[in-house]
Amino acid sequence: MNPSRIACLAVCLALSIACGASAPDALSAREDALLPGPAVRARMAAGSAHSLAIADDGTVWSWGDNGFGQLGDGGGDLPRPTPARVPGLTDIVAVAASELVSQALDAEGNVWTWGNVYAPQGSALPIQVPGLTGVVALAPGSDFSLALLRDGTVMAWGQNSFGQLGDGTTTARPTPGPVPGLTDIVALAAGGTHAFALKANGTLWAWGSNHGGLLGDGTTTHRRRPVRVPGLTNIVAVSTSTNHTLALKDSGAVWAWGDNSFGQLGDGTTDSRGTPAKVQGLANVTDVAVGDAHSLVLKAHGTVWAAGNNDRGQLGDDTSPERHVFERVAGFTGGVALAAGQSHTLARKRDGTVWSWGNNSSGELGNGVPMEYTTPTRSRFTEASALSAGTGYSLALKPDGTLWGWGINATGQLGNGGTRSTPEPLQAPGFAPLTSLAVSARHALGLAADGSVWSWGSNNTSQLGRGTGGLQDPVPARVPGLSGAVSLSASDVHSLAVRNDGSVWAWGNNASGQLGDGTTSTRSAPVQVTGLPAVIASAAGRVHSLALTAEGTVWAWGASYSGQLGNGSGTGSLTPVQVPRLTDVIAVAASQHSLALKADGTVWAWGPNLRGQLGDGTTSTRLSPVQVLGLSDVTAIAVGADFSLALKSDGTVWAWGNNAVGQLGDGTRTSRSTPVQVSTVTNARRISAGGDHALASRANGTVWGWGDNLQGALGNGARSLDATPARSLFVP
């Protein structure tokens, strides 16, 4: 590959970050098989014991160690084992992390930083780095930072004891300044106190600490100015840690140097190297990542291979011995990007899910279970929902947080201030930028970027939570007394909100005890659900409610005359009870029946089953969870009135249950007691189920719907029953 081709690939990476290009679009646009990893690696980052990821809506989510404020939530120093949103950040296109520091780059080229609160410039909340504009890539080290500008020059700031700022001195600099002599740079990598810059011509340049030959120049002399790494050409990606480095060539070959005490260079020995050497046996590599003493490579077909230290399972091969050559990570496929922490690993799949393995003592794997994993486990990171189906209507959010709706509007559930129905998408007047939605048959909730909750539509059972007695309100207004919300759910008679402290708050009808406060009194303002451990998500059925804990357990309360609580007895409860035998759950959904998605990709169901909505091949009511037949690799679930949906990692959508109006989307109106594939929908990223219709959004942002469209709920301008998916007129 010639230098101009290298420059094109690397600049495409920088531009895709700067312009906010989504990972799927970038992948589909590339003709050659190489380099899917670098195009999306900036959407995920691993620090020493914490992790970051960007959702499709441009928000940032963090989890793991928080002893130095590196999660950016501004509160406490306790680790967090499940992802939560970093407040105040929107329109983010890249994240980066070092041991104790986190950074984010927004679409305007501004840099935000947080963590290392004991340093002079440290902060537990994101703060903007002054004097930086036009940035396209970030690389933080242990005590310094680098930023790549659009013009190919590099800025540096922080400590400089080993010359890591590259300015020829050892003088610290608190504000960004240029690294002299560096031009035409297309990528950066920073270790503890050293750095690399990749030029458009494929050469690699290094500076800073050179302990053990870290810089690869054949010496151990610290360099205060950038020097070229000899013998390397046609490089397209580089990754470094405090001890060793990997560089990727355009041919798919990998070169390694530095410390090799655990075999992390993958050459079959434990001999350290002060100059780059080709790693034998590796080909078709598209991305590289290094941890403290382990190394990872991503191959063109989506598998991950690892070498080095394995004392915490960070190689993902279900063993503990270190590996001196690269071996495949067990069972992982579909990868597009890698990141490595001190002793944990992150990998992102094409469907946007994040998988992790290795040390989990600080919750850095993000799966909510405080134990190390020696094989990949799915993180609880889920991209924010921007699509919700009600009964006879639909709502969607655009990336700017504006609300759009279509379909029936008799109770003002479209939030546009009126009650006139529309078969085409209509924007609601601006009131607050929203990040997610929860809808019921007749009312809706919106979560704002600041953690406030907004409600609109029917209020006949006080489900708007505003302490008012009006039967409906078509104008969105804030639910008073509720802040710090991170997720919402709604039935047609009550509402639930999970706060960032793990508590659950409920309001509305309580005749069956679905508010979980130990009474059956209707509440017109939020009350706290009693007796729950820390919760990360909820689901509101009509007469019962569910909560999902960080440990992967499910709790239920309310009526159980048809097994809604899943406790095997059919007896209701006014306070939460744990659903037995359900563990390692990552998502829940409820209407009259309930679904739970496990981390292994299986789906479990319980409750009424007259239409086969439990997917177990019968129409028998189930008082305890049963596995949905024939489903694996599921990444998302949704429930309608009496049907169910599942999204698989390959982008296909599956449905089962009632199909009287085509809500299963298989081209028929035949009900199904086991899952069938929704026809024509591919590359789906999100799903939502309403009363009798369903929606899916594809990787390109288009929205497709099927089922009852007599009120215009599909948003395609027609009023009909559609048994096969039709494209909505909504433009994301």
Foldseek 3Di string as FASTA:
>chain_A
DFLLVLLVVLLLLLVCLLQVPDLVVVVVPDDDLFALASNCQQQKADEQFKIWGAFSLFWIKIFFFCQFLQRQCQDDGAGGQAIFTRFPTGQWRGWYYYHFKIWTAHNFGWIWIEGNNVDPPHHNHIDTAPPTTQFRDWEDAQFKIWTAHSQFWIWIAGAQCLLQRQCQDRDGHHHIDTNPPTGQWRDKYYEHFKIWTAHSRFWIWIAGAQVQLARQCQDRRGHNHIDTNPPTGQWNDKYDYNFKIWTAHPQQWIWIAGAQCFLQRQQQDRDGHNHIDTRPPTGQWRDKEDEQFKIWTAHSQFWIWIFGACCFLQRQCPDHRGHNHIDTRPPGGQFRYWYYHNFKIWTAHPLGWIKIFGQCCRSNRQLLARGGHNHIFTHLDARAAQWAFAAQKIWGADSQQWIKMAGAQCFLASQQFDGDGHLAIDTHPDDARFRHKAYENFKIWTQHSQFWIKIFGACCFLQRQQPDNDGGTNHIDTNPPGGQWGDWYDYPFKIWTAHPQQWIWIAGQQCQLQRQCQDRDHHNHIDTRPDDDRFDYKEDAPFKIWTAHSQFWIKMAGFQCLLQGQCQPRHGHNHIDTNPPGGQWSDKYYYQKIWTAHRQFWIWIAGQQCFLQRQPQDRHHHNHIDTRPPTGQWDDKEDANFKIWTAHSQFWIKIAGQQCLQQRQCQDRRGHNHIDTRPPGGQWNDKYYYHFKIWTAHPVGWIKMAGQCQRSRRQCRDGGRGNHIDTHPDDD
